Amino acid sequence: MRTVRLSGLAQSDLEDIRSYTVETWGRAQWLTYYRQIAMAFDRIAQNPEIGVDRSLFVPGTRSINRKQHVIFFKCLDAADGAPVVLRIVHGR
C-alpha cells in the first residue's frame, strides 16, 4: 500500500496545529483532530487524484479540506511517485 509523506513544512504545520489545539482545547481534542487528519492522509494515499486541482499554483498540486484546514499535496518523482503533503494551512 502506498503511503503519504510529509514535507518539512507540512511537518512544521502539523506541529503548529498540535500546539495550538492542545493549548486552546486540550490534548483529547488534539487526538480527535489528529485522527481526522490521518484519515485524510490515508484517503490521499489510496487515491492521489482526489481533491481539487490546484495546478494554478503549482502544476500537479491538489488539495482536500479537513475541518478547518486545507491539505495541499502532490505526487513527486523524488518520492518514487508517492503523494507528498506539501502544506497544511488554515482555511482562512
C-alpha atoms as a PDB file:
ATOM      1  CA  MET A   1       0.000   0.000   0.000  1.00  0.00           C
ATOM      2  CA  ARG A   2       1.223   3.480  -0.876  1.00  0.00           C
ATOM      3  CA  THR A   3       1.852   5.897   1.971  1.00  0.00           C
ATOM      4  CA  VAL A   4       1.816   9.659   2.180  1.00  0.00           C
ATOM      5  CA  ARG A   5       4.993  11.526   3.003  1.00  0.00           C
ATOM      6  CA  LEU A   6       5.161  14.923   4.662  1.00  0.00           C
ATOM      7  CA  SER A   7       7.450  17.731   3.582  1.00  0.00           C
ATOM      8  CA  GLY A   8       9.399  19.562   6.264  1.00  0.00           C
ATOM      9  CA  LEU A   9       6.949  22.467   6.011  1.00  0.00           C
ATOM     10  CA  ALA A  10       3.978  20.116   6.410  1.00  0.00           C
ATOM     11  CA  GLN A  11       5.590  18.558   9.492  1.00  0.00           C
ATOM     12  CA  SER A  12       6.044  22.046  10.921  1.00  0.00           C
ATOM     13  CA  ASP A  13       2.434  22.917  10.071  1.00  0.00           C
ATOM     14  CA  LEU A  14       1.217  19.785  11.840  1.00  0.00           C
ATOM     15  CA  GLU A  15       3.275  20.644  14.929  1.00  0.00           C
ATOM     16  CA  ASP A  16       1.841  24.178  14.953  1.00  0.00           C
ATOM     17  CA  ILE A  17      -1.689  22.784  14.681  1.00  0.00           C
ATOM     18  CA  ARG A  18      -0.939  20.382  17.543  1.00  0.00           C
ATOM     19  CA  SER A  19       0.435  23.106  19.786  1.00  0.00           C
ATOM     20  CA  TYR A  20      -2.462  25.472  19.145  1.00  0.00           C
ATOM     21  CA  THR A  21      -5.112  22.777  19.563  1.00  0.00           C
ATOM     22  CA  VAL A  22      -3.619  21.439  22.811  1.00  0.00           C
ATOM     23  CA  GLU A  23      -3.263  24.954  24.280  1.00  0.00           C
ATOM     24  CA  THR A  24      -6.746  26.030  23.207  1.00  0.00           C
ATOM     25  CA  TRP A  25      -8.898  22.904  23.519  1.00  0.00           C
ATOM     26  CA  GLY A  26      -6.767  20.267  25.232  1.00  0.00           C
ATOM     27  CA  ARG A  27      -4.974  17.051  24.393  1.00  0.00           C
ATOM     28  CA  ALA A  28      -8.136  14.981  23.878  1.00  0.00           C
ATOM     29  CA  GLN A  29      -9.337  17.370  21.181  1.00  0.00           C
ATOM     30  CA  TRP A  30      -5.929  17.233  19.507  1.00  0.00           C
ATOM     31  CA  LEU A  31      -6.047  13.434  19.387  1.00  0.00           C
ATOM     32  CA  THR A  32      -9.521  13.550  17.830  1.00  0.00           C
ATOM     33  CA  TYR A  33      -8.433  16.104  15.249  1.00  0.00           C
ATOM     34  CA  TYR A  34      -5.186  14.263  14.508  1.00  0.00           C
ATOM     35  CA  ARG A  35      -7.154  11.087  13.746  1.00  0.00           C
ATOM     36  CA  GLN A  36      -9.211  13.082  11.223  1.00  0.00           C
ATOM     37  CA  ILE A  37      -6.062  14.453   9.595  1.00  0.00           C
ATOM     38  CA  ALA A  38      -4.543  10.951   9.499  1.00  0.00           C
ATOM     39  CA  MET A  39      -7.710   9.666   7.794  1.00  0.00           C
ATOM     40  CA  ALA A  40      -7.270  12.405   5.172  1.00  0.00           C
ATOM     41  CA  PHE A  41      -3.675  11.235   4.633  1.00  0.00           C
ATOM     42  CA  ASP A  42      -4.987   7.672   4.135  1.00  0.00           C
ATOM     43  CA  ARG A  43      -7.513   8.908   1.561  1.00  0.00           C
ATOM     44  CA  ILE A  44      -4.739  10.719  -0.317  1.00  0.00           C
ATOM     45  CA  ALA A  45      -2.577   7.575  -0.257  1.00  0.00           C
ATOM     46  CA  GLN A  46      -5.408   5.422  -1.591  1.00  0.00           C
ATOM     47  CA  ASN A  47      -6.378   7.874  -4.343  1.00  0.00           C
ATOM     48  CA  PRO A  48      -3.878  10.668  -5.061  1.00  0.00           C
ATOM     49  CA  GLU A  49      -6.247  12.090  -7.701  1.00  0.00           C
ATOM     50  CA  ILE A  50      -8.853  13.116  -5.107  1.00  0.00           C
ATOM     51  CA  GLY A  51      -9.493  16.691  -4.175  1.00  0.00           C
ATOM     52  CA  VAL A  52      -9.317  19.958  -6.027  1.00  0.00           C
ATOM     53  CA  ASP A  53      -6.782  20.557  -8.780  1.00  0.00           C
ATOM     54  CA  ARG A  54      -4.524  23.416  -7.670  1.00  0.00           C
ATOM     55  CA  SER A  55      -2.260  23.431 -10.736  1.00  0.00           C
ATOM     56  CA  LEU A  56      -2.782  27.176 -10.996  1.00  0.00           C
ATOM     57  CA  PHE A  57      -0.416  27.486  -8.001  1.00  0.00           C
ATOM     58  CA  VAL A  58       1.962  24.605  -8.718  1.00  0.00           C
ATOM     59  CA  PRO A  59       1.406  22.151 -11.603  1.00  0.00           C
ATOM     60  CA  GLY A  60       0.170  18.779 -10.334  1.00  0.00           C
ATOM     61  CA  THR A  61      -0.771  20.062  -6.887  1.00  0.00           C
ATOM     62  CA  ARG A  62      -4.128  19.070  -5.384  1.00  0.00           C
ATOM     63  CA  SER A  63      -5.895  19.846  -2.103  1.00  0.00           C
ATOM     64  CA  ILE A  64      -8.515  18.431   0.204  1.00  0.00           C
ATOM     65  CA  ASN A  65     -10.243  20.037   3.159  1.00  0.00           C
ATOM     66  CA  ARG A  66     -10.130  18.560   6.629  1.00  0.00           C
ATOM     67  CA  LYS A  67     -12.333  20.524   9.006  1.00  0.00           C
ATOM     68  CA  GLN A  68     -10.669  23.942   9.394  1.00  0.00           C
ATOM     69  CA  HIS A  69      -7.560  23.085   7.351  1.00  0.00           C
ATOM     70  CA  VAL A  70      -6.622  22.579   3.728  1.00  0.00           C
ATOM     71  CA  ILE A  71      -4.076  19.886   2.894  1.00  0.00           C
ATOM     72  CA  PHE A  72      -2.011  20.571  -0.242  1.00  0.00           C
ATOM     73  CA  PHE A  73      -0.275  17.576  -1.810  1.00  0.00           C
ATOM     74  CA  LYS A  74       1.447  16.383  -4.964  1.00  0.00           C
ATOM     75  CA  CYS A  75       2.887  13.120  -6.263  1.00  0.00           C
ATOM     76  CA  LEU A  76       6.627  13.626  -6.624  1.00  0.00           C
ATOM     77  CA  ASP A  77       9.178  11.686  -8.639  1.00  0.00           C
ATOM     78  CA  ALA A  78      11.705  12.382  -5.854  1.00  0.00           C
ATOM     79  CA  ALA A  79       9.428  10.361  -3.534  1.00  0.00           C
ATOM     80  CA  ASP A  80       9.159   7.467  -6.025  1.00  0.00           C
ATOM     81  CA  GLY A  81       5.825   8.852  -7.231  1.00  0.00           C
ATOM     82  CA  ALA A  82       4.290   8.814  -3.758  1.00  0.00           C
ATOM     83  CA  PRO A  83       1.983  11.633  -2.707  1.00  0.00           C
ATOM     84  CA  VAL A  84       3.740  14.229  -0.570  1.00  0.00           C
ATOM     85  CA  VAL A  85       1.837  16.616   1.674  1.00  0.00           C
ATOM     86  CA  LEU A  86       3.378  19.993   0.934  1.00  0.00           C
ATOM     87  CA  ARG A  87       1.487  22.184   3.413  1.00  0.00           C
ATOM     88  CA  ILE A  88      -1.410  22.060   5.889  1.00  0.00           C
ATOM     89  CA  VAL A  89      -2.906  25.523   6.172  1.00  0.00           C
ATOM     90  CA  HIS A  90      -5.896  27.039   7.903  1.00  0.00           C
ATOM     91  CA  GLY A  91      -8.846  27.552   5.578  1.00  0.00           C
ATOM     92  CA  ARG A  92      -8.990  31.278   6.254  1.00  0.00           C
END
